[in-house]
Amino acid sequence: MKNKKWMWIIIGCAVVIGGAAAVIYGMGAGKGSKEEGEPISAMYVPYGEDGYIFVSEQAGVFTVTAPEEAYQVQDMNGNKISIHELKKGNVVKIYGNGIMAESYPGQYPGVTRIEVESEGDPSDADQYQEIVDELYTEPDPAEPPTLQVNYVTSMADVTVMAARGGYEWVYMDKDGLSNAVVADSVPVLDWGDLLVDITLSEPLDLTLSFSDEPLEVEVVRYDSSLLGKGQEMPEGEKVTVSEKEGKRMIEGVDGNYVYEVLGIWENGRATYGFLTVEK
């Protein structure tokens, strides 16, 4: 097998993006809704295939994490568009409840509407290229997609990056040649501190967001009392993965379980893991 690589364990560092803390901007009544605070003026800066940030003197660097059906985006003529139809350099006014999760980039889940204030110029956004470079790395074709786990608490939308374990992956290199990579991993119960903690005070729905959607997803969970006992090959409990509005979800997740997620694509498969903790 060409360029075959064997590794005992390959698990990316688990990064928590978001949290319970929040920053509140101008909470006075705004137009159109008693719940709206003062609008935030920001510039739209896209990157990669679907990535973007807003950059604002008021609120810094942030993204909108509200569900798309919860807010409206309007161009300068009042026409309804999607957030990804905004153009590089557009200056917008963002209305909402003014509560933003403390993270980097920030996350704004309480947005009610976005209005284009001026078209701007794509070159206006070039000054933020350094920020984009910090946030975005071109995907490595030799590695499987990443997995983010999203959930909503009473305080904020939270996103965590799940650890990735073993995988089998076939990819095309820059010369158009097919390569295969196999990375071995110890059982998910033995990943130790590399498992990111998801702290839950009540059962919550978790959304599984892959950087490239797989054909199939299989999930197994283990009681957290089995941590460190992976070599004993304990039997796990199969978990149902549902689909809502095009998103894969695990519903009613409790604390104190280790979750193992298997993603299957045309060109390979990969395992991911995270730990839920009861608050």
Protein backbone atom coordinates (compact mmCIF):
# COMPACT_ATOMS: atom_id res chain seq x y z
CA MET A 1 0.00 0.00 0.00
CA LYS A 2 1.59 3.24 -1.12
CA ASN A 3 2.79 5.63 1.58
CA LYS A 4 1.27 3.47 4.27
CA LYS A 5 1.73 4.99 7.72
CA TRP A 6 1.19 3.21 11.01
CA MET A 7 0.78 5.21 14.18
CA TRP A 8 -0.20 4.01 17.64
CA ILE A 9 -2.51 6.94 18.21
CA ILE A 10 -3.33 10.10 16.30
CA ILE A 11 -5.73 12.32 18.18
CA GLY A 12 -5.89 16.06 17.63
CA CYS A 13 -5.92 18.35 20.62
CA ALA A 14 -9.47 18.94 21.79
CA VAL A 15 -10.30 22.62 21.59
CA VAL A 16 -13.30 24.07 23.33
CA ILE A 17 -14.79 27.02 21.48
CA GLY A 18 -17.36 28.81 23.52
CA GLY A 19 -18.57 28.56 27.08
CA ALA A 20 -21.17 29.62 29.54
CA ALA A 21 -19.84 33.14 29.98
CA ALA A 22 -21.26 35.87 27.79
CA VAL A 23 -20.54 39.47 26.85
CA ILE A 24 -23.49 41.83 26.57
CA TYR A 25 -23.56 44.72 24.12
CA GLY A 26 -26.03 47.66 24.14
CA MET A 27 -29.23 46.23 25.57
CA GLY A 28 -31.47 49.22 24.89
CA ALA A 29 -34.56 48.64 22.74
CA GLY A 30 -33.80 48.59 19.05
CA LYS A 31 -36.11 49.00 16.12
CA GLY A 32 -38.44 46.19 15.19
CA SER A 33 -38.37 44.28 18.48
CA LYS A 34 -38.38 45.01 22.18
CA GLU A 35 -35.83 42.25 22.57
CA GLU A 36 -33.33 43.83 20.21
CA GLY A 37 -30.41 45.82 21.56
CA GLU A 38 -28.34 48.38 19.70
CA PRO A 39 -27.18 46.96 16.34
CA ILE A 40 -23.58 45.96 15.83
CA SER A 41 -21.87 47.39 12.76
CA ALA A 42 -19.45 44.87 11.25
CA MET A 43 -17.66 43.83 8.06
CA TYR A 44 -18.23 40.44 6.44
CA VAL A 45 -15.02 38.54 5.69
CA PRO A 46 -15.46 35.10 4.03
CA TYR A 47 -12.78 32.41 3.83
CA GLY A 48 -12.47 28.85 2.59
CA GLU A 49 -15.56 27.16 1.16
CA ASP A 50 -18.20 28.25 3.68
CA GLY A 51 -16.26 29.97 6.46
CA TYR A 52 -16.65 33.61 7.42
CA ILE A 53 -16.14 36.07 10.25
CA PHE A 54 -17.61 39.43 11.12
CA VAL A 55 -15.14 42.06 12.30
CA SER A 56 -16.46 44.93 14.40
CA GLU A 57 -14.98 47.76 16.46
CA GLN A 58 -17.77 47.14 18.99
CA ALA A 59 -17.71 43.36 19.26
CA GLY A 60 -14.39 42.22 17.82
CA VAL A 61 -14.28 39.04 15.72
CA PHE A 62 -17.35 36.78 15.79
CA THR A 63 -19.73 34.52 13.85
CA VAL A 64 -23.50 34.16 13.95
CA THR A 65 -24.50 30.86 15.54
CA ALA A 66 -28.28 31.33 15.53
CA PRO A 67 -30.19 28.78 13.39
CA GLU A 68 -30.73 30.17 9.88
CA GLU A 69 -34.51 30.09 10.31
CA ALA A 70 -34.25 32.32 13.41
CA TYR A 71 -33.08 35.47 11.61
CA GLN A 72 -33.26 37.25 8.26
CA VAL A 73 -30.53 38.70 6.08
CA GLN A 74 -31.38 41.55 3.70
CA ASP A 75 -29.31 43.12 0.96
CA MET A 76 -29.27 46.87 0.35
CA ASN A 77 -32.51 46.62 -1.66
CA GLY A 78 -34.34 44.79 1.11
CA ASN A 79 -34.22 41.43 -0.66
CA LYS A 80 -33.94 38.33 1.50
CA ILE A 81 -30.64 36.47 1.05
CA SER A 82 -28.66 33.85 2.96
CA ILE A 83 -25.72 34.80 5.14
CA HIS A 84 -23.35 33.12 2.68
CA GLU A 85 -24.62 35.38 -0.12
CA LEU A 86 -23.06 38.37 1.58
CA LYS A 87 -20.05 39.71 -0.31
CA LYS A 88 -16.52 40.20 0.94
CA GLY A 89 -16.22 43.70 2.34
CA ASN A 90 -19.97 44.21 2.93
CA VAL A 91 -20.66 46.40 5.96
CA VAL A 92 -23.75 45.20 7.82
CA LYS A 93 -25.86 46.05 10.83
CA ILE A 94 -26.56 43.04 13.02
CA TYR A 95 -29.59 43.18 15.31
CA GLY A 96 -30.17 40.85 18.23
CA ASN A 97 -30.27 40.53 21.98
CA GLY A 98 -26.67 41.73 22.35
CA ILE A 99 -25.49 38.63 24.24
CA MET A 100 -22.38 37.02 22.79
CA ALA A 101 -20.53 33.96 24.10
CA GLU A 102 -16.96 34.57 25.22
CA SER A 103 -14.85 32.64 22.73
CA TYR A 104 -12.53 33.29 19.84
CA PRO A 105 -14.07 33.96 17.43
CA GLY A 106 -17.06 35.13 19.44
CA GLN A 107 -20.40 33.41 18.92
CA TYR A 108 -23.63 35.40 18.60
CA PRO A 109 -26.66 33.09 19.00
CA GLY A 110 -29.30 35.78 19.60
CA VAL A 111 -29.29 37.43 16.16
CA THR A 112 -32.72 38.47 14.80
CA ARG A 113 -31.77 40.17 11.52
CA ILE A 114 -28.84 41.37 9.44
CA GLU A 115 -29.05 44.31 7.04
CA VAL A 116 -26.43 45.33 4.50
CA GLU A 117 -25.53 48.94 5.24
CA SER A 118 -23.01 49.44 2.43
CA GLU A 119 -21.49 47.25 -0.28
CA GLY A 120 -17.94 48.14 0.68
CA ASP A 121 -15.09 46.75 -1.40
CA PRO A 122 -13.39 43.32 -1.27
CA SER A 123 -10.06 45.08 -0.78
CA ASP A 124 -11.43 46.64 2.42
CA ALA A 125 -11.46 43.18 4.00
CA ASP A 126 -7.84 42.41 3.08
CA GLN A 127 -6.65 44.14 6.25
CA TYR A 128 -8.11 41.20 8.19
CA GLN A 129 -6.23 38.51 6.26
CA GLU A 130 -3.95 37.85 9.24
CA ILE A 131 -7.00 36.99 11.36
CA VAL A 132 -8.29 34.66 8.64
CA ASP A 133 -4.90 32.95 8.43
CA GLU A 134 -5.06 32.24 12.16
CA LEU A 135 -8.51 30.68 11.88
CA TYR A 136 -8.34 28.80 8.61
CA THR A 137 -6.02 26.07 7.44
CA GLU A 138 -6.53 24.44 4.06
CA PRO A 139 -7.72 20.86 4.68
CA ASP A 140 -4.99 18.23 4.28
CA PRO A 141 -6.26 15.68 1.71
CA ALA A 142 -4.22 13.00 3.48
CA GLU A 143 -6.37 13.32 6.62
CA PRO A 144 -10.05 12.55 7.20
CA PRO A 145 -12.51 15.35 7.99
CA THR A 146 -12.78 16.89 11.44
CA LEU A 147 -15.80 16.59 13.74
CA GLN A 148 -17.31 19.41 15.78
CA VAL A 149 -19.99 18.79 18.39
CA ASN A 150 -22.49 21.62 18.88
CA TYR A 151 -25.01 22.10 21.67
CA VAL A 152 -27.07 24.89 23.19
CA THR A 153 -27.19 25.73 26.91
CA SER A 154 -29.28 28.36 28.65
CA MET A 155 -26.34 30.75 28.35
CA ALA A 156 -24.74 30.11 24.97
CA ASP A 157 -24.19 28.00 21.91
CA VAL A 158 -21.12 25.84 22.47
CA THR A 159 -18.87 24.10 19.94
CA VAL A 160 -16.17 21.58 20.78
CA MET A 161 -13.70 19.82 18.51
CA ALA A 162 -13.93 16.07 19.03
CA ALA A 163 -10.70 14.10 19.25
CA ARG A 164 -9.92 11.90 16.25
CA GLY A 165 -8.50 8.42 16.64
CA GLY A 166 -7.71 5.72 14.09
CA TYR A 167 -8.61 5.96 10.44
CA GLU A 168 -8.24 4.44 6.98
CA TRP A 169 -8.08 7.02 4.22
CA VAL A 170 -7.47 7.06 0.46
CA TYR A 171 -6.65 10.36 -1.24
CA MET A 172 -5.25 11.82 -4.44
CA ASP A 173 -1.95 13.69 -4.14
CA LYS A 174 -0.96 16.76 -6.15
CA ASP A 175 0.37 14.52 -8.91
CA GLY A 176 -2.97 12.75 -9.27
CA LEU A 177 -1.69 9.52 -7.69
CA SER A 178 -3.82 7.52 -5.27
CA ASN A 179 -2.39 7.09 -1.78
CA ALA A 180 -3.65 5.13 1.21
CA VAL A 181 -3.04 5.98 4.86
CA VAL A 182 -3.85 3.74 7.82
CA ALA A 183 -3.54 5.15 11.34
CA ASP A 184 -4.10 2.79 14.25
CA SER A 185 -5.47 3.91 17.60
CA VAL A 186 -5.96 2.49 21.07
CA PRO A 187 -9.64 2.03 22.11
CA VAL A 188 -11.53 5.24 22.76
CA LEU A 189 -11.77 4.40 26.48
CA ASP A 190 -7.98 4.70 26.68
CA TRP A 191 -7.65 8.13 25.09
CA GLY A 192 -7.37 9.71 28.52
CA ASP A 193 -7.03 13.49 28.70
CA LEU A 194 -7.32 13.76 24.92
CA LEU A 195 -11.07 13.24 25.24
CA VAL A 196 -12.73 16.66 25.39
CA ASP A 197 -15.26 17.08 28.21
CA ILE A 198 -18.82 18.18 27.44
CA THR A 199 -20.37 19.27 30.74
CA LEU A 200 -24.15 18.86 30.95
CA SER A 201 -26.48 20.02 33.71
CA GLU A 202 -29.44 18.34 31.98
CA PRO A 203 -29.99 16.04 28.97
CA LEU A 204 -29.22 17.94 25.76
CA ASP A 205 -29.23 17.31 22.02
CA LEU A 206 -25.78 17.21 20.42
CA THR A 207 -25.29 18.08 16.74
CA LEU A 208 -22.50 16.27 14.88
CA SER A 209 -20.94 18.63 12.32
CA PHE A 210 -18.28 17.11 10.06
CA SER A 211 -16.07 19.28 7.85
CA ASP A 212 -17.16 16.95 5.03
CA GLU A 213 -20.44 15.10 5.49
CA PRO A 214 -20.04 11.31 5.65
CA LEU A 215 -22.27 8.74 3.98
CA GLU A 216 -22.96 7.01 7.29
CA VAL A 217 -22.45 7.72 10.98
CA GLU A 218 -22.44 5.11 13.76
CA VAL A 219 -22.27 5.97 17.46
CA VAL A 220 -21.55 3.78 20.49
CA ARG A 221 -21.36 4.97 24.08
CA TYR A 222 -19.71 3.51 27.19
CA ASP A 223 -20.28 4.26 30.86
CA SER A 224 -17.50 6.58 32.03
CA SER A 225 -16.66 4.11 34.80
CA LEU A 226 -15.00 2.07 32.04
CA LEU A 227 -12.41 4.77 31.30
CA GLY A 228 -8.95 3.23 31.06
CA LYS A 229 -10.36 -0.27 30.50
CA GLY A 230 -10.39 -0.28 26.71
CA GLN A 231 -8.06 -3.27 26.45
CA GLU A 232 -10.73 -5.37 28.19
CA MET A 233 -12.96 -4.73 25.17
CA PRO A 234 -16.17 -3.92 27.11
CA GLU A 235 -19.39 -3.91 25.16
CA GLY A 236 -20.85 -0.51 24.38
CA GLU A 237 -24.41 0.66 23.80
CA LYS A 238 -25.41 1.57 20.25
CA VAL A 239 -26.82 5.09 20.04
CA THR A 240 -29.40 6.29 17.52
CA VAL A 241 -28.30 9.14 15.26
CA SER A 242 -31.28 11.15 14.01
CA GLU A 243 -31.48 13.72 11.22
CA LYS A 244 -33.26 17.05 11.62
CA GLU A 245 -33.17 19.78 9.00
CA GLY A 246 -30.21 18.12 7.33
CA LYS A 247 -28.19 17.86 10.55
CA ARG A 248 -27.11 14.69 12.34
CA MET A 249 -28.00 14.71 16.01
CA ILE A 250 -27.79 12.62 19.15
CA GLU A 251 -30.87 13.44 21.21
CA GLY A 252 -31.26 13.57 24.98
CA VAL A 253 -27.60 13.05 25.82
CA ASP A 254 -26.80 12.42 29.50
CA GLY A 255 -23.58 12.98 31.40
CA ASN A 256 -20.96 10.41 32.41
CA TYR A 257 -20.57 8.59 29.10
CA VAL A 258 -17.75 8.15 26.59
CA TYR A 259 -19.00 8.50 23.02
CA GLU A 260 -17.29 6.88 20.04
CA VAL A 261 -18.35 8.19 16.63
CA LEU A 262 -17.54 6.36 13.39
CA GLY A 263 -17.77 8.33 10.15
CA ILE A 264 -17.82 6.48 6.82
CA TRP A 265 -17.01 8.11 3.48
CA GLU A 266 -16.46 6.77 -0.03
CA ASN A 267 -12.71 7.00 0.46
CA GLY A 268 -12.40 5.79 4.02
CA ARG A 269 -13.51 5.86 7.64
CA ALA A 270 -12.44 7.51 10.88
CA THR A 271 -13.27 7.33 14.59
CA TYR A 272 -13.84 10.27 16.93
CA GLY A 273 -14.52 10.51 20.64
CA PHE A 274 -15.67 12.79 23.46
CA LEU A 275 -16.73 12.51 27.10
CA THR A 276 -19.93 13.83 28.65
CA VAL A 277 -19.75 14.93 32.29
CA GLU A 278 -22.71 15.50 34.59
CA LYS A 279 -22.55 18.89 36.30
